[in-house]
Amino acid sequence: MSRAEPRILHADILGVSLWGPGLEGWAASEAVLTGRAAHAPQDSPPPAPTMLAPNERRRTGAVVRLALHVAQMAVEGAALDPAGLRCVFGSANGDGPVVGSILDALTQAGADRERIVSPTQFHNSVHNAAAGYWSIATRNPLPATCLGCHDSTWAAALLMAMLEVDAGAPVLLCVYDHPMPAPYARLRPVTAPFGVGLVLAPSADQGLARLAVTHAIAPPRGPVAPREMGLAALAAGNPAAQSLRLLEQLARREAGLCDAAYFDGSLGIEVTPA
């Protein structure tokens, strides 16, 4: 009995964004992604999410702000109404700083006084916090998928977004991760914050590139790590930054494979520039 051919999922990339050390947006990062400049990492937090009302903005922490910024920049680049986009948010670790703060409050409180956890911290600790803030800011009533798959989060989120596009609608994909606080960083080291946003759509004839994605129970066939050594180190230290190989090819307008490890298998990602 012959094995069925893998299903191929197609999507056009209409918008792209990123934020990380030395990578402050798509336009500012193109020289590094194309190899015209060396990666010079500098810590610079993303701007505050102006899409949120001041009250909601004050409640956000570094992780949510990172996610919202790359999501907003990708949608603005695609020139689409954010209220009409289904969303896929992926994060391997969620909001580690907030969870760490809650656990610290619970463990350090003395027996003779009440253990107080901020309600704001509590609602920011859930894995779908960034998606919730996004839905509020954009008045988006459509479903959002929020997932975490450890070191396979980038591949899992991309696959989920491609399946959503296959159903016939444009999708916002936002993948992000942030360093964990002590002592959790010893067990789950993330070297630097990084986020990526893509707006994917069915064939649109005006995108930056076209993707053809397949899932295989086999190791990656194409390259996985970025070419630039600094970017390769970032990709090795942050699950969301595994997207950097794809981002390099988009910036270089380069056709070909740039795969992603996915648990015991892989995603084959074929890029065709527009």
Protein backbone atom coordinates (compact mmCIF):
# COMPACT_ATOMS: atom_id res chain seq x y z
CA MET A 1 0.00 0.00 0.00
CA SER A 2 1.54 3.32 -1.07
CA ARG A 3 1.79 6.22 1.34
CA ALA A 4 -0.41 9.21 0.52
CA GLU A 5 1.33 12.32 -0.70
CA PRO A 6 1.58 15.03 1.96
CA ARG A 7 -0.99 17.78 1.71
CA ILE A 8 0.42 21.13 0.60
CA LEU A 9 -0.94 24.28 2.25
CA HIS A 10 -0.60 27.58 0.37
CA ALA A 11 -0.70 31.18 1.56
CA ASP A 12 0.49 34.60 0.46
CA ILE A 13 2.34 36.83 2.93
CA LEU A 14 0.71 40.27 2.89
CA GLY A 15 2.44 41.78 5.93
CA VAL A 16 5.53 41.03 8.01
CA SER A 17 7.07 42.45 11.16
CA LEU A 18 9.63 41.55 13.81
CA TRP A 19 11.15 42.94 16.96
CA GLY A 20 14.20 41.81 18.89
CA PRO A 21 17.66 42.96 19.99
CA GLY A 22 19.10 44.92 17.07
CA LEU A 23 16.00 44.11 14.99
CA GLU A 24 13.63 46.99 15.61
CA GLY A 25 11.05 46.48 12.89
CA TRP A 26 11.07 45.15 9.35
CA ALA A 27 12.57 48.17 7.58
CA ALA A 28 15.28 48.64 10.21
CA SER A 29 16.18 44.94 10.08
CA GLU A 30 16.46 44.43 6.32
CA ALA A 31 20.19 45.24 6.19
CA VAL A 32 20.92 42.54 8.78
CA LEU A 33 18.52 40.01 7.25
CA THR A 34 20.04 40.46 3.79
CA GLY A 35 23.62 40.20 5.06
CA ARG A 36 24.55 43.80 4.24
CA ALA A 37 25.17 44.56 7.92
CA ALA A 38 26.27 42.48 10.89
CA HIS A 39 23.79 41.86 13.66
CA ALA A 40 24.51 44.28 16.52
CA PRO A 41 22.15 43.30 19.34
CA GLN A 42 20.91 46.15 21.50
CA ASP A 43 18.17 45.83 24.06
CA SER A 44 15.31 48.11 23.10
CA PRO A 45 11.76 47.42 24.30
CA PRO A 46 9.01 47.84 21.72
CA PRO A 47 6.91 50.99 21.86
CA ALA A 48 3.86 51.02 24.10
CA PRO A 49 0.77 49.70 22.28
CA THR A 50 -0.98 52.90 21.21
CA MET A 51 -3.89 50.83 19.92
CA LEU A 52 -4.96 50.28 23.54
CA ALA A 53 -6.78 52.84 25.65
CA PRO A 54 -4.58 54.29 28.42
CA ASN A 55 -6.20 52.17 31.16
CA GLU A 56 -5.57 48.90 29.32
CA ARG A 57 -2.11 50.04 28.22
CA ARG A 58 -1.03 50.55 31.83
CA ARG A 59 -2.00 46.96 32.64
CA THR A 60 0.24 45.41 29.99
CA GLY A 61 3.71 44.04 30.68
CA ALA A 62 6.72 43.52 28.45
CA VAL A 63 5.50 40.25 26.94
CA VAL A 64 2.06 41.51 25.91
CA ARG A 65 3.59 44.72 24.55
CA LEU A 66 6.01 42.72 22.42
CA ALA A 67 3.19 40.61 20.97
CA LEU A 68 0.87 43.55 20.31
CA HIS A 69 3.58 45.59 18.62
CA VAL A 70 4.58 42.96 16.07
CA ALA A 71 0.92 42.09 15.46
CA GLN A 72 0.01 45.73 14.84
CA MET A 73 2.97 46.35 12.52
CA ALA A 74 2.21 43.25 10.43
CA VAL A 75 -1.44 44.22 10.00
CA GLU A 76 -0.56 47.81 9.12
CA GLY A 77 1.88 46.51 6.51
CA ALA A 78 -0.86 44.37 5.01
CA ALA A 79 -3.29 47.33 4.95
CA LEU A 80 -6.15 45.16 6.22
CA ASP A 81 -8.79 45.81 8.85
CA PRO A 82 -7.59 44.05 12.02
CA ALA A 83 -11.18 43.49 13.10
CA GLY A 84 -11.66 41.13 10.16
CA LEU A 85 -8.71 38.81 10.78
CA ARG A 86 -8.70 35.47 12.50
CA CYS A 87 -5.66 35.22 14.75
CA VAL A 88 -3.10 32.64 15.81
CA PHE A 89 -0.91 33.60 18.77
CA GLY A 90 1.99 31.34 19.73
CA SER A 91 4.34 31.50 22.70
CA ALA A 92 6.46 28.70 24.10
CA ASN A 93 6.50 30.10 27.62
CA GLY A 94 3.71 32.64 27.89
CA ASP A 95 4.25 35.56 30.25
CA GLY A 96 7.05 34.20 32.44
CA PRO A 97 7.74 37.50 34.22
CA VAL A 98 4.11 37.79 35.35
CA VAL A 99 3.84 34.15 36.41
CA GLY A 100 7.15 34.47 38.26
CA SER A 101 5.91 37.56 40.08
CA ILE A 102 2.73 35.76 41.16
CA LEU A 103 4.65 32.76 42.45
CA ASP A 104 7.07 35.03 44.29
CA ALA A 105 4.15 36.79 45.97
CA LEU A 106 2.66 33.46 47.06
CA THR A 107 5.89 32.00 48.39
CA GLN A 108 7.34 35.09 50.05
CA ALA A 109 4.25 36.25 51.92
CA GLY A 110 4.54 35.70 55.64
CA ALA A 111 2.19 33.39 57.48
CA ASP A 112 0.84 36.29 59.52
CA ARG A 113 -0.35 38.38 56.60
CA GLU A 114 -2.59 37.91 53.62
CA ARG A 115 -1.06 36.62 50.42
CA ILE A 116 -2.05 39.18 47.85
CA VAL A 117 -1.88 38.60 44.10
CA SER A 118 -2.76 41.55 41.90
CA PRO A 119 -5.90 40.92 39.82
CA THR A 120 -4.10 42.54 36.89
CA GLN A 121 -1.22 40.10 37.23
CA PHE A 122 -3.65 37.21 37.45
CA HIS A 123 -5.44 38.01 34.20
CA ASN A 124 -2.12 38.72 32.48
CA SER A 125 -0.82 35.30 33.49
CA VAL A 126 -3.13 33.30 31.22
CA HIS A 127 -1.71 32.09 27.92
CA ASN A 128 -4.27 33.99 25.84
CA ALA A 129 -3.65 37.38 27.48
CA ALA A 130 -2.04 38.91 24.39
CA ALA A 131 -4.87 37.68 22.17
CA GLY A 132 -7.40 39.12 24.60
CA TYR A 133 -5.78 42.55 24.58
CA TRP A 134 -5.60 42.39 20.77
CA SER A 135 -9.31 41.55 20.50
CA ILE A 136 -10.18 44.44 22.82
CA ALA A 137 -7.98 46.93 20.99
CA THR A 138 -9.17 45.99 17.50
CA ARG A 139 -12.80 45.17 18.41
CA ASN A 140 -12.26 41.84 16.73
CA PRO A 141 -15.06 39.32 17.44
CA LEU A 142 -13.48 36.48 15.44
CA PRO A 143 -11.92 33.38 17.03
CA ALA A 144 -8.28 33.44 18.12
CA THR A 145 -6.11 30.38 18.64
CA CYS A 146 -3.45 30.56 21.36
CA LEU A 147 -0.93 27.77 21.58
CA GLY A 148 2.38 26.82 23.15
CA CYS A 149 4.44 23.86 21.96
CA HIS A 150 7.80 24.31 23.70
CA ASP A 151 10.60 24.53 21.12
CA SER A 152 8.20 23.64 18.29
CA THR A 153 5.96 26.65 18.89
CA TRP A 154 7.00 28.54 15.74
CA ALA A 155 6.31 25.54 13.52
CA ALA A 156 3.05 24.66 15.30
CA ALA A 157 1.72 28.22 15.09
CA LEU A 158 2.67 28.53 11.41
CA LEU A 159 0.97 25.22 10.62
CA MET A 160 -2.18 26.30 12.46
CA ALA A 161 -2.25 29.62 10.61
CA MET A 162 -1.79 27.88 7.26
CA LEU A 163 -4.74 25.60 8.05
CA GLU A 164 -6.85 28.66 8.87
CA VAL A 165 -5.88 30.24 5.54
CA ASP A 166 -6.77 26.99 3.79
CA ALA A 167 -10.33 27.54 5.02
CA GLY A 168 -10.42 30.68 2.89
CA ALA A 169 -9.78 33.65 5.18
CA PRO A 170 -6.79 35.90 5.96
CA VAL A 171 -5.05 35.25 9.27
CA LEU A 172 -2.77 37.16 11.61
CA LEU A 173 0.07 35.00 12.95
CA CYS A 174 1.94 36.35 15.99
CA VAL A 175 4.70 34.34 17.71
CA TYR A 176 6.71 35.74 20.60
CA ASP A 177 8.83 34.76 23.59
CA HIS A 178 10.60 36.63 26.36
CA PRO A 179 13.34 35.72 28.87
CA MET A 180 12.14 34.02 32.02
CA PRO A 181 12.93 35.46 35.46
CA ALA A 182 15.10 33.73 38.04
CA PRO A 183 15.02 30.98 39.14
CA TYR A 184 12.97 29.66 36.18
CA ALA A 185 15.54 30.85 33.66
CA ARG A 186 17.90 28.09 34.80
CA LEU A 187 15.41 25.46 33.65
CA ARG A 188 14.03 27.33 30.64
CA PRO A 189 16.67 29.73 29.31
CA VAL A 190 15.51 32.27 26.73
CA THR A 191 18.37 34.56 25.82
CA ALA A 192 16.51 37.63 24.50
CA PRO A 193 12.99 38.81 23.67
CA PHE A 194 11.79 38.28 20.11
CA GLY A 195 8.49 38.52 18.27
CA VAL A 196 7.37 38.00 14.69
CA GLY A 197 4.12 38.88 12.96
CA LEU A 198 2.82 37.68 9.59
CA VAL A 199 -0.45 38.33 7.81
CA LEU A 200 -1.25 35.31 5.65
CA ALA A 201 -4.01 35.10 3.07
CA PRO A 202 -5.31 32.93 0.27
CA SER A 203 -3.86 33.73 -3.14
CA ALA A 204 -3.96 37.51 -3.37
CA ASP A 205 -1.50 38.36 -6.20
CA GLN A 206 -0.10 41.30 -4.26
CA GLY A 207 1.81 39.68 -1.42
CA LEU A 208 5.51 39.74 -0.53
CA ALA A 209 5.90 36.03 -1.18
CA ARG A 210 3.96 32.79 -1.45
CA LEU A 211 4.42 29.92 0.97
CA ALA A 212 3.82 26.23 0.34
CA VAL A 213 3.97 24.28 3.60
CA THR A 214 3.97 20.52 4.16
CA HIS A 215 4.21 18.45 7.33
CA ALA A 216 6.53 15.44 7.34
CA ILE A 217 7.43 12.78 9.92
CA ALA A 218 11.06 13.24 8.99
CA PRO A 219 13.94 15.60 9.77
CA PRO A 220 14.03 18.95 7.94
CA ARG A 221 15.21 18.74 4.33
CA GLY A 222 16.03 22.41 3.92
CA PRO A 223 18.03 24.83 6.08
CA VAL A 224 16.64 25.70 9.50
CA ALA A 225 19.14 28.13 11.06
CA PRO A 226 19.68 31.70 9.83
CA ARG A 227 22.87 32.40 7.87
CA GLU A 228 24.10 35.30 10.01
CA MET A 229 25.88 34.03 13.13
CA GLY A 230 24.25 36.49 15.51
CA LEU A 231 20.80 35.66 14.17
CA ALA A 232 21.57 31.94 14.42
CA ALA A 233 22.44 32.42 18.10
CA LEU A 234 19.19 34.32 18.65
CA ALA A 235 17.22 31.55 16.93
CA ALA A 236 18.89 28.96 19.15
CA GLY A 237 17.99 30.93 22.27
CA ASN A 238 14.37 31.92 21.59
CA PRO A 239 11.72 29.59 20.08
CA ALA A 240 9.96 32.45 18.26
CA ALA A 241 13.24 33.45 16.60
CA GLN A 242 13.28 30.16 14.70
CA SER A 243 11.29 32.22 12.19
CA LEU A 244 14.46 34.14 11.29
CA ARG A 245 15.45 31.78 8.48
CA LEU A 246 12.15 32.51 6.75
CA LEU A 247 12.54 36.22 7.44
CA GLU A 248 16.01 36.17 5.88
CA GLN A 249 14.62 34.64 2.70
CA LEU A 250 11.78 37.14 2.55
CA ALA A 251 14.19 40.06 2.92
CA ARG A 252 16.53 38.61 0.27
CA ARG A 253 13.62 37.79 -2.06
CA GLU A 254 15.09 34.32 -2.26
CA ALA A 255 13.20 31.27 -3.49
CA GLY A 256 13.66 27.83 -1.98
CA LEU A 257 13.22 25.79 1.17
CA CYS A 258 13.58 27.08 4.74
CA ASP A 259 12.28 24.35 6.99
CA ALA A 260 11.33 24.24 10.67
CA ALA A 261 11.73 21.46 13.22
CA TYR A 262 8.36 20.27 14.50
CA PHE A 263 8.56 17.80 17.40
CA ASP A 264 9.85 14.53 15.85
CA GLY A 265 9.11 15.75 12.34
CA SER A 266 9.38 18.95 10.36
CA LEU A 267 7.59 21.55 8.30
CA GLY A 268 8.78 21.97 4.74
CA ILE A 269 8.43 25.67 3.89
CA GLU A 270 8.83 26.51 0.20
CA VAL A 271 9.19 30.24 -0.45
CA THR A 272 8.38 31.85 -3.80
CA PRO A 273 8.98 35.63 -3.87
CA ALA A 274 6.28 37.74 -5.50
